[in-house]
Structures are given as C-alpha cells and as structure tokens.
Amino acid sequence: MKLFVASFVLVLLVNFCHGFTFGRTIPRIQPIGIGGVRPGERDSAFDTAEKIDTSFLGNFRPNPFGGRGTFGTAGGSASGPKVDLLYVIDKSGSIGATDFQNAIDLVAQLIELFPVPISSDGTRIAAISYSSRDKVDLEFEFDDCDSSTTCKGLVQAIDFESGSTYTGRGLELARTGPFTGARTDAHKVLFLITDGRSNGDLNVVDEANALKNNGVEIYALGVTDNINRHELKQIVSTPVTDHLFYFDSFSAMGRGVAYLDGIFRASTGGNPWGNAGGGFFGTGNLFRGVSS
C-alpha cells in the first residue's frame, strides 16, 4: 500500500513539474467540446496554442533569476523587460473578411495575455496591416495606446481590404516606421501573421534580415497550407522552432484563441476549461474538458 501511494504521488509530481514554469502551471490535457472536436481526437490547434504560450508568451514572463523566459537568459529584470511589440497582419484577398477577423481576434488575445503590462515603461504595442503595395498601412504606433483595452480596441478597428501579399513591404514599413521610434533599452519584437506566399517587389528575406540586424526578434504564424514554409523559416529569428507557428486553417486559429484563454486561466490558478474544480489539480480540470 505504501508503495502504491508513493508511486501515485510521484506520478502527480512529475506531471506537475512537466507543466510548471516558475509559478505557471500549464495544462497538458486537451479539452473537449471546442469547435466540434470529438472526444479523443487530437486537435493540432491545441498543440499550436500551447507552443505559442510556451515559446512566445513564456519567453517574456519574468522569473526570479532576473531575466525573461524560463531560464532568464535574455535581458530584463525580475519585474519583466521593456518590450516594443509590433504585429504585422496579412489582409490579402485569399484570407477573406471572416477569416481576417479570426486573425484580429488572435492578436487581441495575445495583447490581453502578454506577460509584461502595457505602459510607457513596460510593453508598447503597434500594428501594421498589408496586402497590395498601395495597401500597406501603419494602423497605430507605439505611443497610440497605453492599456490593453485601448490597444485591443485599435486592433479590432483594423479593416480587411483584400489584395496581394506584399509581405516585404510590410516588413519594410516596420523597419522604416515604428521601429525607428523604439526605445533604446527595449526588446524589439515583430509578430507576423500570414496565410500565403509573399509576391511583392521586395525580397522578403532581405527585409527580415535587415530587421534582425537592427536587433528585432521576429516571430511568425503561418495559416493554411498556402504558406511558404521555407520562406517563413528564413524570416523568423533562431531557433526557428521557437519562433515559427502553424495553424492548418483559420477555423483552427479560432479554436486556438479559445485554447489560449483556457491555458492562461489555468496558469493563474483559476478554472481553466470551465469545469468543476479550481486550479490545475481540480478534478474537473485534470480529467475533463470543456462542455459547450
């Protein structure tokens, strides 16, 4: 009996540590009932949401060792780094208005969940949208919003315009526009969302390299099978696996938004998937999924 109890405690401890990152517990059980996913069916959208949480959001969580991320290896302090974060959002015709709204909802969710609070000495947010050459727009700059609510409102106001996929022009505007006003002591970050292959008049990899050479860390999210994976791997910072994410469809992205919300609520000790039992070890959270 003692051996059985000891083994059970060890299993719980291993699972707890597997999902623990300096005070943050991440659920490893995929919920059910989101977007029509059947019980027992593995949803790649959950895996992508978890990777975004760990590799993007987790990279900026303060930790007790004075740096950012899990091991505190890059700048900042125990209270969190300064971050100038620019979202570059594809609004080309292949996306469509409905799916574009899914992308906008994801950006709003990432703003809501970003670990370093939005303020003049914390995180500042800006956004660019792009499609054809004459539809590359600086939607708002780093000084235009001073709270999560304000920034999300500005993101939700971005219009879908259709057109081509001038990703290079979007990155060029990032380099010559918002990042020229970045704080010298801030970590500069660009998060690109696209559903296709770039087809503009600028070399997108050259533009990405120019940004990286100026100290910008680049993440990218590719949606659908129309993307050019090789191109995105060249655009993002290294290691590539920590900076590049995929959703196989915009509906999967929509489920990813729901999953991210649940992962966040689990990390704060609340009820992550809307079931009985608070925190990660509440029985409803550990063994059950969402019931819609």
Protein backbone atom coordinates (compact mmCIF):
# COMPACT_ATOMS: atom_id res chain seq x y z
CA MET A 1 0.00 0.00 0.00
CA LYS A 2 2.80 2.40 0.88
CA LEU A 3 4.47 1.62 -2.46
CA PHE A 4 1.22 2.35 -4.32
CA VAL A 5 0.78 5.69 -2.56
CA ALA A 6 4.38 6.65 -3.19
CA SER A 7 4.05 5.78 -6.89
CA PHE A 8 0.84 7.81 -7.22
CA VAL A 9 2.44 10.84 -5.56
CA LEU A 10 5.44 10.52 -7.88
CA VAL A 11 3.20 10.48 -10.97
CA LEU A 12 1.40 13.62 -9.79
CA LEU A 13 4.72 15.33 -9.06
CA VAL A 14 6.16 14.50 -12.50
CA ASN A 15 3.05 15.82 -14.26
CA PHE A 16 3.08 18.94 -12.12
CA CYS A 17 6.72 19.69 -12.86
CA HIS A 18 6.23 18.96 -16.57
CA GLY A 19 3.73 21.77 -16.80
CA PHE A 20 5.40 24.18 -14.39
CA THR A 21 7.42 27.22 -15.40
CA PHE A 22 8.36 29.47 -12.48
CA GLY A 23 4.95 29.73 -10.92
CA ARG A 24 3.00 28.97 -14.07
CA THR A 25 1.18 25.66 -14.43
CA ILE A 26 0.31 24.72 -17.99
CA PRO A 27 -2.39 22.10 -18.60
CA ARG A 28 -1.26 19.20 -20.76
CA ILE A 29 -4.74 17.72 -21.17
CA GLN A 30 -6.56 18.87 -24.31
CA PRO A 31 -10.11 19.99 -23.53
CA ILE A 32 -13.07 18.67 -25.48
CA GLY A 33 -16.04 20.46 -26.97
CA ILE A 34 -14.19 23.34 -28.66
CA GLY A 35 -15.07 23.89 -32.30
CA GLY A 36 -16.71 20.49 -32.72
CA VAL A 37 -13.57 18.48 -31.89
CA ARG A 38 -14.68 15.00 -30.89
CA PRO A 39 -13.64 13.39 -27.59
CA GLY A 40 -10.38 11.51 -28.05
CA GLU A 41 -9.50 13.39 -31.23
CA ARG A 42 -6.16 15.21 -31.07
CA ASP A 43 -6.50 18.81 -32.20
CA SER A 44 -3.36 20.34 -33.69
CA ALA A 45 -4.78 23.77 -32.82
CA PHE A 46 -4.30 22.93 -29.14
CA ASP A 47 -0.66 22.00 -29.79
CA THR A 48 -0.08 25.27 -31.63
CA ALA A 49 -1.78 27.31 -28.90
CA GLU A 50 0.35 25.60 -26.27
CA LYS A 51 3.50 26.28 -28.30
CA ILE A 52 2.59 29.96 -28.69
CA ASP A 53 2.02 30.13 -24.94
CA THR A 54 5.36 28.48 -24.15
CA SER A 55 7.66 29.87 -26.86
CA PHE A 56 6.20 33.35 -27.39
CA LEU A 57 4.33 34.47 -24.27
CA GLY A 58 6.50 32.34 -22.00
CA ASN A 59 9.64 33.92 -23.40
CA PHE A 60 8.64 37.23 -21.79
CA ARG A 61 7.44 36.06 -18.42
CA PRO A 62 9.60 37.45 -15.60
CA ASN A 63 11.27 34.93 -13.38
CA PRO A 64 13.10 35.01 -10.04
CA PHE A 65 16.52 34.82 -11.69
CA GLY A 66 16.37 38.30 -13.16
CA GLY A 67 15.78 37.53 -16.83
CA ARG A 68 12.89 36.76 -19.14
CA GLY A 69 11.67 33.35 -20.14
CA THR A 70 12.06 30.00 -18.44
CA PHE A 71 15.75 30.30 -17.62
CA GLY A 72 16.18 34.07 -17.61
CA THR A 73 18.83 34.06 -20.31
CA ALA A 74 17.97 37.27 -22.15
CA GLY A 75 17.79 40.71 -20.63
CA GLY A 76 15.12 42.29 -18.50
CA SER A 77 14.70 42.05 -14.76
CA ALA A 78 12.66 40.11 -12.26
CA SER A 79 9.77 42.53 -12.86
CA GLY A 80 9.86 42.00 -16.63
CA PRO A 81 11.61 43.55 -19.63
CA LYS A 82 10.63 46.59 -21.66
CA VAL A 83 9.14 45.39 -24.94
CA ASP A 84 8.23 47.24 -28.13
CA LEU A 85 5.98 44.71 -29.88
CA LEU A 86 4.77 45.17 -33.47
CA TYR A 87 2.11 42.97 -35.08
CA VAL A 88 2.28 42.73 -38.89
CA ILE A 89 -1.00 41.31 -40.21
CA ASP A 90 -1.69 39.95 -43.69
CA LYS A 91 -5.04 41.22 -45.11
CA SER A 92 -4.72 39.79 -48.64
CA GLY A 93 -7.69 38.57 -50.67
CA SER A 94 -7.08 34.88 -50.01
CA ILE A 95 -7.98 35.39 -46.35
CA GLY A 96 -11.46 36.86 -46.69
CA ALA A 97 -13.25 39.10 -44.21
CA THR A 98 -14.43 36.35 -41.85
CA ASP A 99 -11.05 34.65 -41.52
CA PHE A 100 -9.34 38.03 -41.20
CA GLN A 101 -11.47 38.62 -38.12
CA ASN A 102 -10.10 35.37 -36.66
CA ALA A 103 -6.59 36.76 -37.11
CA ILE A 104 -7.64 40.03 -35.47
CA ASP A 105 -9.18 38.12 -32.55
CA LEU A 106 -5.92 36.21 -32.07
CA VAL A 107 -3.89 39.43 -31.96
CA ALA A 108 -6.32 40.90 -29.43
CA GLN A 109 -5.98 37.75 -27.33
CA LEU A 110 -2.17 37.90 -27.45
CA ILE A 111 -2.30 41.53 -26.33
CA GLU A 112 -4.57 40.54 -23.44
CA LEU A 113 -2.28 37.71 -22.36
CA PHE A 114 1.13 39.32 -22.91
CA PRO A 115 3.02 38.95 -19.63
CA VAL A 116 4.63 42.40 -19.47
CA PRO A 117 1.91 45.02 -18.76
CA ILE A 118 1.25 47.70 -21.35
CA SER A 119 2.69 51.02 -20.19
CA SER A 120 5.25 53.63 -21.17
CA ASP A 121 7.96 51.68 -19.30
CA GLY A 122 6.62 48.16 -19.96
CA THR A 123 5.16 46.83 -23.21
CA ARG A 124 4.21 49.15 -26.07
CA ILE A 125 2.13 47.83 -28.98
CA ALA A 126 1.93 48.88 -32.65
CA ALA A 127 0.33 47.28 -35.70
CA ILE A 128 0.79 47.18 -39.48
CA SER A 129 -1.64 45.60 -41.96
CA TYR A 130 -0.70 44.80 -45.54
CA SER A 131 -1.85 43.32 -48.82
CA SER A 132 -1.03 45.08 -52.13
CA ARG A 133 1.65 47.76 -52.47
CA ASP A 134 -0.85 50.61 -52.00
CA LYS A 135 -2.49 48.85 -49.04
CA VAL A 136 0.39 48.69 -46.57
CA ASP A 137 -0.82 50.64 -43.56
CA LEU A 138 0.61 51.65 -40.21
CA GLU A 139 -2.57 51.16 -38.20
CA PHE A 140 -1.26 52.60 -34.94
CA GLU A 141 2.11 53.40 -33.39
CA PHE A 142 3.80 52.55 -30.10
CA ASP A 143 2.59 55.71 -28.38
CA ASP A 144 -1.03 55.43 -29.51
CA CYS A 145 -2.33 53.13 -26.76
CA ASP A 146 -1.45 52.89 -23.09
CA SER A 147 -3.60 49.99 -21.91
CA SER A 148 -4.61 46.52 -23.03
CA THR A 149 -8.19 47.69 -23.57
CA THR A 150 -7.15 50.62 -25.77
CA CYS A 151 -4.72 48.52 -27.83
CA LYS A 152 -7.31 45.78 -28.38
CA GLY A 153 -9.83 48.39 -29.49
CA LEU A 154 -7.39 49.74 -32.08
CA VAL A 155 -6.69 46.21 -33.34
CA GLN A 156 -10.39 45.40 -33.65
CA ALA A 157 -10.82 48.56 -35.75
CA ILE A 158 -8.42 47.32 -38.47
CA ASP A 159 -10.30 46.82 -41.75
CA PHE A 160 -9.97 43.95 -44.19
CA GLU A 161 -9.01 45.31 -47.65
CA SER A 162 -8.09 42.32 -49.85
CA GLY A 163 -5.33 42.45 -52.47
CA SER A 164 -1.96 40.74 -52.99
CA THR A 165 0.60 39.60 -50.39
CA TYR A 166 3.34 42.21 -50.24
CA THR A 167 4.96 40.84 -47.09
CA GLY A 168 8.26 42.51 -47.96
CA ARG A 169 6.55 45.91 -47.98
CA GLY A 170 5.02 45.20 -44.61
CA LEU A 171 8.43 44.38 -43.15
CA GLU A 172 9.98 47.41 -44.84
CA LEU A 173 7.42 49.68 -43.18
CA ALA A 174 8.15 48.02 -39.84
CA ARG A 175 11.83 48.87 -40.25
CA THR A 176 11.39 52.42 -41.53
CA GLY A 177 8.33 53.26 -39.43
CA PRO A 178 7.55 52.06 -35.88
CA PHE A 179 10.94 50.63 -35.02
CA THR A 180 12.67 53.94 -35.71
CA GLY A 181 10.85 55.14 -32.61
CA ALA A 182 11.62 52.09 -30.47
CA ARG A 183 13.13 52.67 -27.05
CA THR A 184 16.87 52.06 -26.96
CA ASP A 185 16.55 49.91 -23.82
CA ALA A 186 13.54 47.92 -25.04
CA HIS A 187 13.44 44.47 -26.58
CA LYS A 188 12.16 44.90 -30.14
CA VAL A 189 9.75 42.17 -31.28
CA LEU A 190 7.79 41.62 -34.51
CA PHE A 191 4.98 39.07 -34.81
CA LEU A 192 3.95 38.32 -38.41
CA ILE A 193 0.65 36.62 -39.32
CA THR A 194 0.19 35.46 -42.93
CA ASP A 195 -1.76 32.88 -44.93
CA GLY A 196 0.20 32.89 -48.18
CA ARG A 197 3.40 33.28 -50.14
CA SER A 198 4.84 36.76 -50.48
CA ASN A 199 4.59 38.11 -54.04
CA GLY A 200 5.70 41.72 -53.85
CA ASP A 201 8.51 43.70 -55.40
CA LEU A 202 10.88 43.44 -52.41
CA ASN A 203 12.87 40.44 -51.25
CA VAL A 204 11.10 39.44 -48.06
CA VAL A 205 14.10 37.59 -46.62
CA ASP A 206 16.35 40.62 -47.18
CA GLU A 207 13.83 42.81 -45.35
CA ALA A 208 13.62 40.33 -42.49
CA ASN A 209 17.40 40.17 -42.22
CA ALA A 210 17.60 43.96 -42.12
CA LEU A 211 15.22 43.97 -39.17
CA LYS A 212 17.11 41.20 -37.37
CA ASN A 213 20.39 43.02 -37.96
CA ASN A 214 18.81 46.01 -36.21
CA GLY A 215 18.04 43.91 -33.16
CA VAL A 216 14.43 42.91 -33.90
CA GLU A 217 13.33 39.45 -32.80
CA ILE A 218 10.88 38.03 -35.37
CA TYR A 219 8.10 35.51 -34.76
CA ALA A 220 5.73 34.30 -37.48
CA LEU A 221 2.43 32.45 -37.61
CA GLY A 222 1.53 30.75 -40.87
CA VAL A 223 -2.08 29.76 -41.54
CA THR A 224 -3.29 27.17 -44.12
CA ASP A 225 -1.19 25.06 -46.49
CA ASN A 226 -0.77 28.01 -48.88
CA ILE A 227 2.14 29.39 -46.90
CA ASN A 228 5.75 29.10 -47.99
CA ARG A 229 7.29 27.28 -45.03
CA HIS A 230 10.82 27.63 -46.36
CA GLU A 231 10.36 31.39 -46.66
CA LEU A 232 8.92 31.72 -43.15
CA LYS A 233 11.83 29.72 -41.73
CA GLN A 234 14.18 32.28 -43.27
CA ILE A 235 12.14 35.21 -41.97
CA VAL A 236 11.99 34.28 -38.29
CA SER A 237 14.70 34.52 -35.68
CA THR A 238 16.57 31.49 -34.39
CA PRO A 239 15.99 28.94 -33.08
CA VAL A 240 13.32 28.56 -35.75
CA THR A 241 11.28 26.03 -33.77
CA ASP A 242 10.74 28.61 -31.02
CA HIS A 243 9.72 31.42 -33.39
CA LEU A 244 7.54 29.78 -36.05
CA PHE A 245 3.98 28.55 -35.53
CA TYR A 246 1.34 26.99 -37.82
CA PHE A 247 -2.43 26.65 -37.87
CA ASP A 248 -3.73 24.44 -40.68
CA SER A 249 -6.84 26.61 -41.14
CA PHE A 250 -8.45 29.80 -39.87
CA SER A 251 -11.07 27.76 -38.04
CA ALA A 252 -8.17 26.08 -36.22
CA MET A 253 -6.89 29.54 -35.38
CA GLY A 254 -10.30 30.34 -33.91
CA ARG A 255 -10.06 27.26 -31.68
CA GLY A 256 -6.52 28.30 -30.79
CA VAL A 257 -7.86 31.57 -29.36
CA ALA A 258 -10.17 29.58 -27.07
CA TYR A 259 -7.38 27.23 -26.05
CA LEU A 260 -5.05 30.13 -25.22
CA ASP A 261 -7.68 31.62 -22.95
CA GLY A 262 -8.03 28.32 -21.09
CA ILE A 263 -4.27 27.88 -20.76
CA PHE A 264 -3.99 31.40 -19.33
CA ARG A 265 -6.77 30.88 -16.78
CA ALA A 266 -5.17 27.60 -15.71
CA SER A 267 -1.88 29.39 -15.11
CA THR A 268 -3.48 31.91 -12.76
CA GLY A 269 -4.95 29.20 -10.54
CA GLY A 270 -8.47 29.64 -11.84
CA ASN A 271 -10.77 27.17 -13.55
CA PRO A 272 -9.12 26.69 -16.96
CA TRP A 273 -11.75 24.88 -19.00
CA GLY A 274 -14.97 25.89 -17.27
CA ASN A 275 -15.31 22.70 -15.21
CA ALA A 276 -15.67 21.92 -11.53
CA GLY A 277 -12.50 22.31 -9.51
CA GLY A 278 -10.19 25.29 -9.40
CA GLY A 279 -6.54 25.25 -10.40
CA PHE A 280 -4.71 22.60 -12.38
CA PHE A 281 -5.32 19.83 -9.86
CA GLY A 282 -9.06 20.41 -9.50
CA THR A 283 -10.59 17.11 -10.57
CA GLY A 284 -12.73 18.78 -13.20
CA ASN A 285 -9.63 20.38 -14.76
CA LEU A 286 -7.42 17.34 -14.68
CA PHE A 287 -9.79 14.75 -16.10
CA ARG A 288 -12.45 16.65 -18.05
CA GLY A 289 -12.62 19.07 -20.92
CA VAL A 290 -14.86 21.96 -21.84
CA SER A 291 -18.54 21.21 -22.12
CA SER A 292 -20.09 23.67 -24.52
